Structure formats: structure tokens, C-alpha cells
Amino acid sequence: MEEAAILTDWAFKCYSEGMIGKLVENDEEARNDVETLEMLLKVAIWCVQEEPSLRPSMRIVAMMLEGVVQVPNPPCPFPLNSMSMSVSTKMI
């Protein structure tokens, strides 16, 4: 579970800093289609929101992937309170 949180945090950081190419450094095909990569990454970040009420339904996810609806910019998947709580828990 901790590894998934670390990967999610890194992916969101790359997204929010505009460095999504770091996520696919060795995948030339993905690097050549940055628009699709960004769309898939945004959908993924929406789907792993820690707060369940923020996650889109599967219907909306399918519509996002099909291009029927625009994918809005996702918020940070970890609310600040839970991140600071997990950091302080690890320090104990």
C-alpha cells in the first residue's frame, strides 16, 4: 500500500510540475503522444483520489477515455491532513 502511495505521489508531482515525460522516459511511443499521455494520467489521478466522493463513476471514466467529456485537471489525490498524518506516523 505504501509503494502505491509513493508512486501516486510521484505521478501527481510529475503532472503538477509539467514533467509527465519522466513517467515514460523509456517509452518512445508514449513520449510521442503527450496529449494522450496527459489525458490518461489525469483520468488515473481522478480514479485514485483518497476521498471516495471525488472519484468519478465508471460511466464518467469511460466517457473521459472515449473523449466524450473533457477531463478536468485533477486535485491532489491526498488531502493535506492525511499526508501530514502519514508522515508523522512514519516518524514514530
PDB file of N, CA and C in Angstrom:
ATOM      1  N   MET A   1       0.829  -1.189   0.000  1.00  0.00           N
ATOM      2  CA  MET A   1       0.000   0.000   0.000  1.00  0.00           C
ATOM      3  C   MET A   1       0.876   1.257   0.000  1.00  0.00           C
ATOM      4  N   GLU A   2       1.961   1.199   0.776  1.00  0.00           N
ATOM      5  CA  GLU A   2       2.861   2.360   0.856  1.00  0.00           C
ATOM      6  C   GLU A   2       3.519   2.633  -0.500  1.00  0.00           C
ATOM      7  N   GLU A   3       3.908   1.561  -1.217  1.00  0.00           N
ATOM      8  CA  GLU A   3       4.531   1.739  -2.535  1.00  0.00           C
ATOM      9  C   GLU A   3       3.568   2.390  -3.516  1.00  0.00           C
ATOM     10  N   ALA A   4       2.289   2.012  -3.453  1.00  0.00           N
ATOM     11  CA  ALA A   4       1.280   2.611  -4.330  1.00  0.00           C
ATOM     12  C   ALA A   4       1.123   4.088  -4.022  1.00  0.00           C
ATOM     13  N   ALA A   5       1.152   4.450  -2.749  1.00  0.00           N
ATOM     14  CA  ALA A   5       1.037   5.848  -2.354  1.00  0.00           C
ATOM     15  C   ALA A   5       2.238   6.643  -2.841  1.00  0.00           C
ATOM     16  N   ILE A   6       3.410   6.057  -2.762  1.00  0.00           N
ATOM     17  CA  ILE A   6       4.624   6.737  -3.223  1.00  0.00           C
ATOM     18  C   ILE A   6       4.562   6.934  -4.735  1.00  0.00           C
ATOM     19  N   LEU A   7       4.134   5.917  -5.474  1.00  0.00           N
ATOM     20  CA  LEU A   7       4.018   6.015  -6.931  1.00  0.00           C
ATOM     21  C   LEU A   7       2.973   7.065  -7.316  1.00  0.00           C
ATOM     22  N   THR A   8       1.843   7.063  -6.637  1.00  0.00           N
ATOM     23  CA  THR A   8       0.785   8.043  -6.911  1.00  0.00           C
ATOM     24  C   THR A   8       1.285   9.449  -6.631  1.00  0.00           C
ATOM     25  N   ASP A   9       1.985   9.623  -5.531  1.00  0.00           N
ATOM     26  CA  ASP A   9       2.526  10.933  -5.174  1.00  0.00           C
ATOM     27  C   ASP A   9       3.519  11.416  -6.237  1.00  0.00           C
ATOM     28  N   TRP A  10       4.396  10.515  -6.702  1.00  0.00           N
ATOM     29  CA  TRP A  10       5.384  10.868  -7.725  1.00  0.00           C
ATOM     30  C   TRP A  10       4.703  11.222  -9.042  1.00  0.00           C
ATOM     31  N   ALA A  11       3.707  10.425  -9.432  1.00  0.00           N
ATOM     32  CA  ALA A  11       2.990  10.692 -10.685  1.00  0.00           C
ATOM     33  C   ALA A  11       2.274  12.035 -10.617  1.00  0.00           C
ATOM     34  N   PHE A  12       1.644  12.335  -9.479  1.00  0.00           N
ATOM     35  CA  PHE A  12       0.959  13.620  -9.350  1.00  0.00           C
ATOM     36  C   PHE A  12       1.968  14.768  -9.371  1.00  0.00           C
ATOM     37  N   LYS A  13       3.095  14.572  -8.730  1.00  0.00           N
ATOM     38  CA  LYS A  13       4.132  15.614  -8.726  1.00  0.00           C
ATOM     39  C   LYS A  13       4.623  15.875 -10.152  1.00  0.00           C
ATOM     40  N   CYS A  14       4.894  14.824 -10.910  1.00  0.00           N
ATOM     41  CA  CYS A  14       5.324  14.997 -12.304  1.00  0.00           C
ATOM     42  C   CYS A  14       4.252  15.727 -13.101  1.00  0.00           C
ATOM     43  N   TYR A  15       2.989  15.357 -12.895  1.00  0.00           N
ATOM     44  CA  TYR A  15       1.878  16.009 -13.592  1.00  0.00           C
ATOM     45  C   TYR A  15       1.796  17.488 -13.219  1.00  0.00           C
ATOM     46  N   SER A  16       1.794  17.780 -11.930  1.00  0.00           N
ATOM     47  CA  SER A  16       1.595  19.155 -11.481  1.00  0.00           C
ATOM     48  C   SER A  16       2.773  20.061 -11.833  1.00  0.00           C
ATOM     49  N   GLU A  17       3.963  19.475 -12.018  1.00  0.00           N
ATOM     50  CA  GLU A  17       5.139  20.267 -12.384  1.00  0.00           C
ATOM     51  C   GLU A  17       5.386  20.273 -13.900  1.00  0.00           C
ATOM     52  N   GLY A  18       4.457  19.657 -14.651  1.00  0.00           N
ATOM     53  CA  GLY A  18       4.571  19.656 -16.102  1.00  0.00           C
ATOM     54  C   GLY A  18       5.697  18.791 -16.632  1.00  0.00           C
ATOM     55  N   MET A  19       6.051  17.749 -15.904  1.00  0.00           N
ATOM     56  CA  MET A  19       7.147  16.871 -16.310  1.00  0.00           C
ATOM     57  C   MET A  19       6.661  15.439 -16.505  1.00  0.00           C
ATOM     58  N   ILE A  20       5.533  15.267 -17.212  1.00  0.00           N
ATOM     59  CA  ILE A  20       4.971  13.923 -17.360  1.00  0.00           C
ATOM     60  C   ILE A  20       5.858  12.997 -18.185  1.00  0.00           C
ATOM     61  N   GLY A  21       6.758  13.558 -18.958  1.00  0.00           N
ATOM     62  CA  GLY A  21       7.688  12.739 -19.724  1.00  0.00           C
ATOM     63  C   GLY A  21       8.557  11.861 -18.838  1.00  0.00           C
ATOM     64  N   LYS A  22       8.777  12.289 -17.591  1.00  0.00           N
ATOM     65  CA  LYS A  22       9.572  11.484 -16.651  1.00  0.00           C
ATOM     66  C   LYS A  22       8.921  10.142 -16.359  1.00  0.00           C
ATOM     67  N   LEU A  23       7.595  10.102 -16.471  1.00  0.00           N
ATOM     68  CA  LEU A  23       6.867   8.876 -16.157  1.00  0.00           C
ATOM     69  C   LEU A  23       7.062   7.800 -17.213  1.00  0.00           C
ATOM     70  N   VAL A  24       7.447   8.216 -18.420  1.00  0.00           N
ATOM     71  CA  VAL A  24       7.583   7.273 -19.537  1.00  0.00           C
ATOM     72  C   VAL A  24       8.905   7.460 -20.270  1.00  0.00           C
ATOM     73  N   GLU A  25       9.967   7.702 -19.528  1.00  0.00           N
ATOM     74  CA  GLU A  25      11.268   8.006 -20.125  1.00  0.00           C
ATOM     75  C   GLU A  25      11.709   6.999 -21.179  1.00  0.00           C
ATOM     76  N   ASN A  26      11.432   5.732 -20.966  1.00  0.00           N
ATOM     77  CA  ASN A  26      11.915   4.685 -21.875  1.00  0.00           C
ATOM     78  C   ASN A  26      10.847   4.199 -22.844  1.00  0.00           C
ATOM     79  N   ASP A  27       9.752   4.946 -22.973  1.00  0.00           N
ATOM     80  CA  ASP A  27       8.663   4.549 -23.864  1.00  0.00           C
ATOM     81  C   ASP A  27       8.502   5.611 -24.948  1.00  0.00           C
ATOM     82  N   GLU A  28       9.181   5.402 -26.057  1.00  0.00           N
ATOM     83  CA  GLU A  28       9.196   6.383 -27.145  1.00  0.00           C
ATOM     84  C   GLU A  28       7.795   6.660 -27.689  1.00  0.00           C
ATOM     85  N   GLU A  29       6.981   5.608 -27.806  1.00  0.00           N
ATOM     86  CA  GLU A  29       5.621   5.777 -28.327  1.00  0.00           C
ATOM     87  C   GLU A  29       4.813   6.711 -27.427  1.00  0.00           C
ATOM     88  N   ALA A  30       4.895   6.518 -26.115  1.00  0.00           N
ATOM     89  CA  ALA A  30       4.167   7.370 -25.175  1.00  0.00           C
ATOM     90  C   ALA A  30       4.702   8.799 -25.205  1.00  0.00           C
ATOM     91  N   ARG A  31       6.012   8.938 -25.331  1.00  0.00           N
ATOM     92  CA  ARG A  31       6.623  10.277 -25.364  1.00  0.00           C
ATOM     93  C   ARG A  31       6.213  11.043 -26.619  1.00  0.00           C
ATOM     94  N   ASN A  32       5.897  10.316 -27.695  1.00  0.00           N
ATOM     95  CA  ASN A  32       5.491  10.956 -28.941  1.00  0.00           C
ATOM     96  C   ASN A  32       4.024  11.370 -28.959  1.00  0.00           C
ATOM     97  N   ASP A  33       3.241  10.901 -27.983  1.00  0.00           N
ATOM     98  CA  ASP A  33       1.825  11.255 -27.908  1.00  0.00           C
ATOM     99  C   ASP A  33       1.512  11.831 -26.533  1.00  0.00           C
ATOM    100  N   VAL A  34       2.088  12.980 -26.270  1.00  0.00           N
ATOM    101  CA  VAL A  34       1.979  13.614 -24.952  1.00  0.00           C
ATOM    102  C   VAL A  34       0.534  13.962 -24.614  1.00  0.00           C
ATOM    103  N   GLU A  35      -0.254  14.326 -25.612  1.00  0.00           N
ATOM    104  CA  GLU A  35      -1.650  14.685 -25.357  1.00  0.00           C
ATOM    105  C   GLU A  35      -2.430  13.499 -24.779  1.00  0.00           C
ATOM    106  N   THR A  36      -2.260  12.322 -25.373  1.00  0.00           N
ATOM    107  CA  THR A  36      -2.928  11.121 -24.858  1.00  0.00           C
ATOM    108  C   THR A  36      -2.372  10.739 -23.496  1.00  0.00           C
ATOM    109  N   LEU A  37      -1.068  10.825 -23.343  1.00  0.00           N
ATOM    110  CA  LEU A  37      -0.434  10.521 -22.060  1.00  0.00           C
ATOM    111  C   LEU A  37      -0.998  11.410 -20.955  1.00  0.00           C
ATOM    112  N   GLU A  38      -1.108  12.695 -21.226  1.00  0.00           N
ATOM    113  CA  GLU A  38      -1.638  13.615 -20.212  1.00  0.00           C
ATOM    114  C   GLU A  38      -3.091  13.291 -19.879  1.00  0.00           C
ATOM    115  N   MET A  39      -3.900  12.971 -20.886  1.00  0.00           N
ATOM    116  CA  MET A  39      -5.298  12.631 -20.648  1.00  0.00           C
ATOM    117  C   MET A  39      -5.403  11.376 -19.785  1.00  0.00           C
ATOM    118  N   LEU A  40      -4.618  10.346 -20.115  1.00  0.00           N
ATOM    119  CA  LEU A  40      -4.648   9.108 -19.336  1.00  0.00           C
ATOM    120  C   LEU A  40      -4.175   9.326 -17.910  1.00  0.00           C
ATOM    121  N   LEU A  41      -3.158  10.146 -17.742  1.00  0.00           N
ATOM    122  CA  LEU A  41      -2.641  10.445 -16.409  1.00  0.00           C
ATOM    123  C   LEU A  41      -3.683  11.192 -15.578  1.00  0.00           C
ATOM    124  N   LYS A  42      -4.361  12.159 -16.190  1.00  0.00           N
ATOM    125  CA  LYS A  42      -5.393  12.907 -15.463  1.00  0.00           C
ATOM    126  C   LYS A  42      -6.534  11.982 -15.038  1.00  0.00           C
ATOM    127  N   VAL A  43      -6.957  11.099 -15.926  1.00  0.00           N
ATOM    128  CA  VAL A  43      -8.011  10.139 -15.572  1.00  0.00           C
ATOM    129  C   VAL A  43      -7.542   9.258 -14.415  1.00  0.00           C
ATOM    130  N   ALA A  44      -6.309   8.780 -14.497  1.00  0.00           N
ATOM    131  CA  ALA A  44      -5.765   7.924 -13.438  1.00  0.00           C
ATOM    132  C   ALA A  44      -5.744   8.650 -12.095  1.00  0.00           C
ATOM    133  N   ILE A  45      -5.327   9.909 -12.101  1.00  0.00           N
ATOM    134  CA  ILE A  45      -5.273  10.670 -10.841  1.00  0.00           C
ATOM    135  C   ILE A  45      -6.673  10.857 -10.277  1.00  0.00           C
ATOM    136  N   TRP A  46      -7.652  11.110 -11.141  1.00  0.00           N
ATOM    137  CA  TRP A  46      -9.036  11.213 -10.657  1.00  0.00           C
ATOM    138  C   TRP A  46      -9.466   9.895 -10.009  1.00  0.00           C
ATOM    139  N   CYS A  47      -9.080   8.776 -10.593  1.00  0.00           N
ATOM    140  CA  CYS A  47      -9.532   7.464 -10.117  1.00  0.00           C
ATOM    141  C   CYS A  47      -8.899   7.032  -8.797  1.00  0.00           C
ATOM    142  N   VAL A  48      -7.764   7.609  -8.431  1.00  0.00           N
ATOM    143  CA  VAL A  48      -7.103   7.210  -7.183  1.00  0.00           C
ATOM    144  C   VAL A  48      -7.261   8.247  -6.077  1.00  0.00           C
ATOM    145  N   GLN A  49      -8.220   9.132  -6.213  1.00  0.00           N
ATOM    146  CA  GLN A  49      -8.460  10.114  -5.160  1.00  0.00           C
ATOM    147  C   GLN A  49      -8.724   9.395  -3.841  1.00  0.00           C
ATOM    148  N   GLU A  50      -8.046   9.828  -2.809  1.00  0.00           N
ATOM    149  CA  GLU A  50      -8.224   9.209  -1.487  1.00  0.00           C
ATOM    150  C   GLU A  50      -9.653   9.415  -0.973  1.00  0.00           C
ATOM    151  N   GLU A  51     -10.223  10.557  -1.282  1.00  0.00           N
ATOM    152  CA  GLU A  51     -11.597  10.866  -0.876  1.00  0.00           C
ATOM    153  C   GLU A  51     -12.553  10.244  -1.901  1.00  0.00           C
ATOM    154  N   PRO A  52     -13.290   9.207  -1.519  1.00  0.00           N
ATOM    155  CA  PRO A  52     -14.151   8.499  -2.470  1.00  0.00           C
ATOM    156  C   PRO A  52     -15.150   9.392  -3.196  1.00  0.00           C
ATOM    157  N   SER A  53     -15.646  10.416  -2.542  1.00  0.00           N
ATOM    158  CA  SER A  53     -16.651  11.279  -3.181  1.00  0.00           C
ATOM    159  C   SER A  53     -16.072  12.077  -4.349  1.00  0.00           C
ATOM    160  N   LEU A  54     -14.745  12.178  -4.439  1.00  0.00           N
ATOM    161  CA  LEU A  54     -14.110  12.901  -5.544  1.00  0.00           C
ATOM    162  C   LEU A  54     -13.865  12.016  -6.765  1.00  0.00           C
ATOM    163  N   ARG A  55     -13.929  10.701  -6.584  1.00  0.00           N
ATOM    164  CA  ARG A  55     -13.669   9.784  -7.700  1.00  0.00           C
ATOM    165  C   ARG A  55     -14.841   9.789  -8.670  1.00  0.00           C
ATOM    166  N   PRO A  56     -14.541   9.800  -9.968  1.00  0.00           N
ATOM    167  CA  PRO A  56     -15.635   9.749 -10.949  1.00  0.00           C
ATOM    168  C   PRO A  56     -16.222   8.338 -11.029  1.00  0.00           C
ATOM    169  N   SER A  57     -17.475   8.273 -11.479  1.00  0.00           N
ATOM    170  CA  SER A  57     -18.107   6.968 -11.691  1.00  0.00           C
ATOM    171  C   SER A  57     -17.440   6.288 -12.890  1.00  0.00           C
ATOM    172  N   MET A  58     -17.627   4.996 -13.022  1.00  0.00           N
ATOM    173  CA  MET A  58     -17.062   4.270 -14.156  1.00  0.00           C
ATOM    174  C   MET A  58     -17.643   4.792 -15.466  1.00  0.00           C
ATOM    175  N   ARG A  59     -18.889   5.215 -15.446  1.00  0.00           N
ATOM    176  CA  ARG A  59     -19.521   5.777 -16.644  1.00  0.00           C
ATOM    177  C   ARG A  59     -18.771   7.029 -17.085  1.00  0.00           C
ATOM    178  N   ILE A  60     -18.472   7.910 -16.132  1.00  0.00           N
ATOM    179  CA  ILE A  60     -17.741   9.145 -16.446  1.00  0.00           C
ATOM    180  C   ILE A  60     -16.328   8.821 -16.897  1.00  0.00           C
ATOM    181  N   VAL A  61     -15.687   7.856 -16.254  1.00  0.00           N
ATOM    182  CA  VAL A  61     -14.329   7.454 -16.650  1.00  0.00           C
ATOM    183  C   VAL A  61     -14.337   6.966 -18.099  1.00  0.00           C
ATOM    184  N   ALA A  62     -15.303   6.122 -18.437  1.00  0.00           N
ATOM    185  CA  ALA A  62     -15.396   5.624 -19.814  1.00  0.00           C
ATOM    186  C   ALA A  62     -15.598   6.782 -20.791  1.00  0.00           C
ATOM    187  N   MET A  63     -16.438   7.744 -20.425  1.00  0.00           N
ATOM    188  CA  MET A  63     -16.679   8.899 -21.293  1.00  0.00           C
ATOM    189  C   MET A  63     -15.418   9.743 -21.441  1.00  0.00           C
ATOM    190  N   MET A  64     -14.640   9.880 -20.364  1.00  0.00           N
ATOM    191  CA  MET A  64     -13.372  10.610 -20.433  1.00  0.00           C
ATOM    192  C   MET A  64     -12.410   9.907 -21.387  1.00  0.00           C
ATOM    193  N   LEU A  65     -12.296   8.598 -21.245  1.00  0.00           N
ATOM    194  CA  LEU A  65     -11.362   7.822 -22.072  1.00  0.00           C
ATOM    195  C   LEU A  65     -11.776   7.818 -23.542  1.00  0.00           C
ATOM    196  N   GLU A  66     -13.077   7.875 -23.801  1.00  0.00           N
ATOM    197  CA  GLU A  66     -13.576   7.911 -25.175  1.00  0.00           C
ATOM    198  C   GLU A  66     -13.505   9.312 -25.782  1.00  0.00           C
ATOM    199  N   GLY A  67     -13.235  10.307 -24.949  1.00  0.00           N
ATOM    200  CA  GLY A  67     -13.168  11.677 -25.440  1.00  0.00           C
ATOM    201  C   GLY A  67     -14.519  12.357 -25.544  1.00  0.00           C
ATOM    202  N   VAL A  68     -15.546  11.753 -24.956  1.00  0.00           N
ATOM    203  CA  VAL A  68     -16.895  12.317 -24.990  1.00  0.00           C
ATOM    204  C   VAL A  68     -16.991  13.525 -24.060  1.00  0.00           C
ATOM    205  N   VAL A  69     -16.315  13.442 -22.935  1.00  0.00           N
ATOM    206  CA  VAL A  69     -16.264  14.571 -21.999  1.00  0.00           C
ATOM    207  C   VAL A  69     -14.804  14.942 -21.775  1.00  0.00           C
ATOM    208  N   GLN A  70     -14.592  16.220 -21.532  1.00  0.00           N
ATOM    209  CA  GLN A  70     -13.235  16.705 -21.273  1.00  0.00           C
ATOM    210  C   GLN A  70     -12.805  16.282 -19.872  1.00  0.00           C
ATOM    211  N   VAL A  71     -11.536  15.957 -19.726  1.00  0.00           N
ATOM    212  CA  VAL A  71     -11.004  15.559 -18.423  1.00  0.00           C
ATOM    213  C   VAL A  71     -10.519  16.814 -17.703  1.00  0.00           C
ATOM    214  N   PRO A  72     -11.190  17.188 -16.602  1.00  0.00           N
ATOM    215  CA  PRO A  72     -10.726  18.370 -15.871  1.00  0.00           C
ATOM    216  C   PRO A  72      -9.417  18.091 -15.142  1.00  0.00           C
ATOM    217  N   ASN A  73      -8.713  19.134 -14.799  1.00  0.00           N
ATOM    218  CA  ASN A  73      -7.471  18.969 -14.031  1.00  0.00           C
ATOM    219  C   ASN A  73      -7.810  18.386 -12.668  1.00  0.00           C
ATOM    220  N   PRO A  74      -7.166  17.295 -12.302  1.00  0.00           N
ATOM    221  CA  PRO A  74      -7.476  16.652 -11.026  1.00  0.00           C
ATOM    222  C   PRO A  74      -6.808  17.368  -9.847  1.00  0.00           C
ATOM    223  N   PRO A  75      -7.442  17.276  -8.671  1.00  0.00           N
ATOM    224  CA  PRO A  75      -6.793  17.798  -7.471  1.00  0.00           C
ATOM    225  C   PRO A  75      -5.759  16.803  -6.967  1.00  0.00           C
ATOM    226  N   CYS A  76      -4.977  17.217  -6.012  1.00  0.00           N
ATOM    227  CA  CYS A  76      -4.026  16.305  -5.374  1.00  0.00           C
ATOM    228  C   CYS A  76      -4.804  15.110  -4.828  1.00  0.00           C
ATOM    229  N   PRO A  77      -4.345  13.890  -5.092  1.00  0.00           N
ATOM    230  CA  PRO A  77      -5.088  12.717  -4.639  1.00  0.00           C
ATOM    231  C   PRO A  77      -5.069  12.504  -3.131  1.00  0.00           C
ATOM    232  N   PHE A  78      -4.166  13.163  -2.446  1.00  0.00           N
ATOM    233  CA  PHE A  78      -4.072  13.015  -1.000  1.00  0.00           C
ATOM    234  C   PHE A  78      -4.413  14.337  -0.311  1.00  0.00           C
ATOM    235  N   PRO A  79      -5.488  14.374   0.464  1.00  0.00           N
ATOM    236  CA  PRO A  79      -5.757  15.596   1.219  1.00  0.00           C
ATOM    237  C   PRO A  79      -4.580  15.897   2.146  1.00  0.00           C
ATOM    238  N   LEU A  80      -4.316  17.160   2.361  1.00  0.00           N
ATOM    239  CA  LEU A  80      -3.169  17.565   3.182  1.00  0.00           C
ATOM    240  C   LEU A  80      -3.167  16.921   4.552  1.00  0.00           C
ATOM    241  N   ASN A  81      -4.316  16.789   5.166  1.00  0.00           N
ATOM    242  CA  ASN A  81      -4.376  16.213   6.511  1.00  0.00           C
ATOM    243  C   ASN A  81      -3.859  14.778   6.535  1.00  0.00           C
ATOM    244  N   SER A  82      -4.246  13.969   5.560  1.00  0.00           N
ATOM    245  CA  SER A  82      -3.817  12.570   5.596  1.00  0.00           C
ATOM    246  C   SER A  82      -2.341  12.442   5.265  1.00  0.00           C
ATOM    247  N   MET A  83      -1.809  13.331   4.404  1.00  0.00           N
ATOM    248  CA  MET A  83      -0.394  13.263   4.078  1.00  0.00           C
ATOM    249  C   MET A  83       0.445  13.604   5.308  1.00  0.00           C
ATOM    250  N   SER A  84       0.103  14.666   6.014  1.00  0.00           N
ATOM    251  CA  SER A  84       0.877  15.033   7.179  1.00  0.00           C
ATOM    252  C   SER A  84       0.737  14.000   8.279  1.00  0.00           C
ATOM    253  N   MET A  85      -0.450  13.366   8.336  1.00  0.00           N
ATOM    254  CA  MET A  85      -0.678  12.338   9.333  1.00  0.00           C
ATOM    255  C   MET A  85       0.191  11.112   9.024  1.00  0.00           C
ATOM    256  N   SER A  86       0.267  10.727   7.731  1.00  0.00           N
ATOM    257  CA  SER A  86       1.063   9.556   7.397  1.00  0.00           C
ATOM    258  C   SER A  86       2.547   9.829   7.580  1.00  0.00           C
ATOM    259  N   VAL A  87       2.967  11.070   7.332  1.00  0.00           N
ATOM    260  CA  VAL A  87       4.380  11.433   7.539  1.00  0.00           C
ATOM    261  C   VAL A  87       4.698  11.365   9.027  1.00  0.00           C
ATOM    262  N   SER A  88       3.822  11.928   9.870  1.00  0.00           N
ATOM    263  CA  SER A  88       4.111  11.906  11.304  1.00  0.00           C
ATOM    264  C   SER A  88       4.046  10.489  11.846  1.00  0.00           C
ATOM    265  N   THR A  89       3.175   9.643  11.284  1.00  0.00           N
ATOM    266  CA  THR A  89       3.091   8.254  11.727  1.00  0.00           C
ATOM    267  C   THR A  89       4.376   7.514  11.394  1.00  0.00           C
ATOM    268  N   LYS A  90       4.962   7.795  10.224  1.00  0.00           N
ATOM    269  CA  LYS A  90       6.198   7.134   9.827  1.00  0.00           C
ATOM    270  C   LYS A  90       7.370   7.554  10.700  1.00  0.00           C
ATOM    271  N   MET A  91       7.289   8.752  11.274  1.00  0.00           N
ATOM    272  CA  MET A  91       8.378   9.248  12.106  1.00  0.00           C
ATOM    273  C   MET A  91       8.376   8.598  13.473  1.00  0.00           C
ATOM    274  N   ILE A  92       7.243   8.034  13.863  1.00  0.00           N
ATOM    275  CA  ILE A  92       7.137   7.430  15.197  1.00  0.00           C
ATOM    276  C   ILE A  92       7.771   6.066  15.225  1.00  0.00           C
TER     277      ILE A  92
END
